[in-house]
């Protein structure tokens, strides 16, 4: 029914998150009877951390700072409009009717 336990860890880091950090997160998932996790960072993930999550049984989604910013923009969370642009299109039927 989609009622699985999902563990989430979020880090406000400028540094690169390496494999040891992901391993520290993956270990306790077993204790929580969870097979799924989400690791979010404002930084980025190293190649070995990304490879590690591809090769383990637990499903861990990695969200780096760039992806997090995209989600924030897409869902209008924690962001504000600075400028808006309106693009206009000529209605060809309108022009023909007026002539």
Protein backbone atom coordinates (compact mmCIF):
# COMPACT_ATOMS: atom_id res chain seq x y z
CA UNK A 1 0.00 0.00 0.00
CA UNK A 2 3.00 2.31 -0.17
CA UNK A 3 3.42 2.54 3.59
CA UNK A 4 7.15 1.80 3.64
CA UNK A 5 9.37 3.62 6.10
CA UNK A 6 11.59 6.15 4.32
CA UNK A 7 14.51 7.68 6.20
CA UNK A 8 15.72 11.15 5.25
CA UNK A 9 18.97 12.89 6.06
CA UNK A 10 19.67 16.48 5.06
CA UNK A 11 23.07 18.21 5.28
CA UNK A 12 23.87 21.86 4.74
CA UNK A 13 27.37 21.32 3.44
CA UNK A 14 29.64 23.11 1.01
CA UNK A 15 31.87 20.07 0.80
CA UNK A 16 31.49 16.96 -1.33
CA UNK A 17 29.63 14.12 0.34
CA UNK A 18 31.72 10.97 0.04
CA UNK A 19 31.03 7.27 0.30
CA UNK A 20 31.74 7.07 4.08
CA UNK A 21 28.94 9.60 4.74
CA UNK A 22 26.49 7.57 2.67
CA UNK A 23 27.59 4.33 4.38
CA UNK A 24 26.92 5.94 7.78
CA UNK A 25 23.41 6.72 6.54
CA UNK A 26 22.77 3.33 4.90
CA UNK A 27 23.69 1.31 8.00
CA UNK A 28 20.93 2.57 10.31
CA UNK A 29 18.29 1.99 7.63
CA UNK A 30 18.37 -1.69 8.60
CA UNK A 31 17.71 -0.80 12.25
CA UNK A 32 14.69 1.24 11.23
CA UNK A 33 13.40 -1.63 9.05
CA UNK A 34 13.65 0.64 6.07
CA UNK A 35 14.83 -0.27 2.61
CA UNK A 36 14.54 3.28 1.31
CA UNK A 37 16.24 6.54 2.07
CA UNK A 38 16.78 10.04 0.75
CA UNK A 39 20.06 11.88 1.35
CA UNK A 40 19.90 15.61 0.62
CA UNK A 41 22.86 17.98 0.60
CA UNK A 42 23.42 21.58 -0.40
CA UNK A 43 26.82 20.41 -1.66
CA UNK A 44 27.47 17.64 -4.15
CA UNK A 45 28.13 13.90 -4.12
CA UNK A 46 31.40 12.22 -5.02
CA UNK A 47 31.50 9.63 -7.78
CA UNK A 48 32.22 6.86 -5.27
CA UNK A 49 29.16 7.77 -3.19
CA UNK A 50 26.96 7.62 -6.31
CA UNK A 51 28.48 4.27 -7.30
CA UNK A 52 27.94 2.92 -3.77
CA UNK A 53 24.17 3.60 -3.82
CA UNK A 54 23.88 1.90 -7.22
CA UNK A 55 25.46 -1.27 -5.81
CA UNK A 56 23.59 -1.76 -2.52
CA UNK A 57 20.26 -3.46 -1.87
CA UNK A 58 18.72 -0.45 -0.13
CA UNK A 59 17.31 2.21 -2.42
CA UNK A 60 18.87 5.57 -1.54
CA UNK A 61 18.04 8.65 -3.57
CA UNK A 62 20.78 11.30 -3.64
CA UNK A 63 19.69 14.92 -4.05
CA UNK A 64 22.53 17.42 -4.45
CA UNK A 65 22.39 21.20 -4.17
CA UNK A 66 21.60 21.75 -7.85
CA UNK A 67 18.74 19.23 -7.85
CA UNK A 68 17.44 20.65 -4.57
CA UNK A 69 17.39 24.16 -6.10
CA UNK A 70 15.46 22.83 -9.11
CA UNK A 71 12.88 21.17 -6.83
CA UNK A 72 12.54 24.40 -4.83
CA UNK A 73 11.92 26.40 -8.01
CA UNK A 74 9.54 23.82 -9.50
CA UNK A 75 7.46 23.66 -6.31
CA UNK A 76 7.75 27.37 -5.45
CA UNK A 77 9.22 26.60 -2.03
CA UNK A 78 11.74 28.90 -0.39
CA UNK A 79 11.99 31.09 -3.50
CA UNK A 80 10.53 34.40 -4.59
CA UNK A 81 9.85 35.95 -7.99
CA UNK A 82 12.36 38.55 -9.08
CA UNK A 83 11.06 39.21 -12.59
CA UNK A 84 8.32 37.78 -14.75
CA UNK A 85 8.17 37.79 -18.52
CA UNK A 86 5.00 37.59 -20.58
CA UNK A 87 5.25 36.22 -24.09
CA UNK A 88 2.49 37.31 -26.46
CA UNK A 89 1.24 35.50 -29.53
CA UNK A 90 -0.73 37.11 -32.35
CA UNK A 91 -4.12 35.54 -32.88
CA UNK A 92 -4.25 35.12 -36.64
CA UNK A 93 -8.07 34.79 -36.71
CA UNK A 94 -8.39 38.18 -35.01
CA UNK A 95 -6.34 39.92 -37.70
CA UNK A 96 -8.31 38.30 -40.52
CA UNK A 97 -11.68 39.23 -38.93
CA UNK A 98 -10.72 42.89 -38.50
CA UNK A 99 -9.60 43.31 -42.12
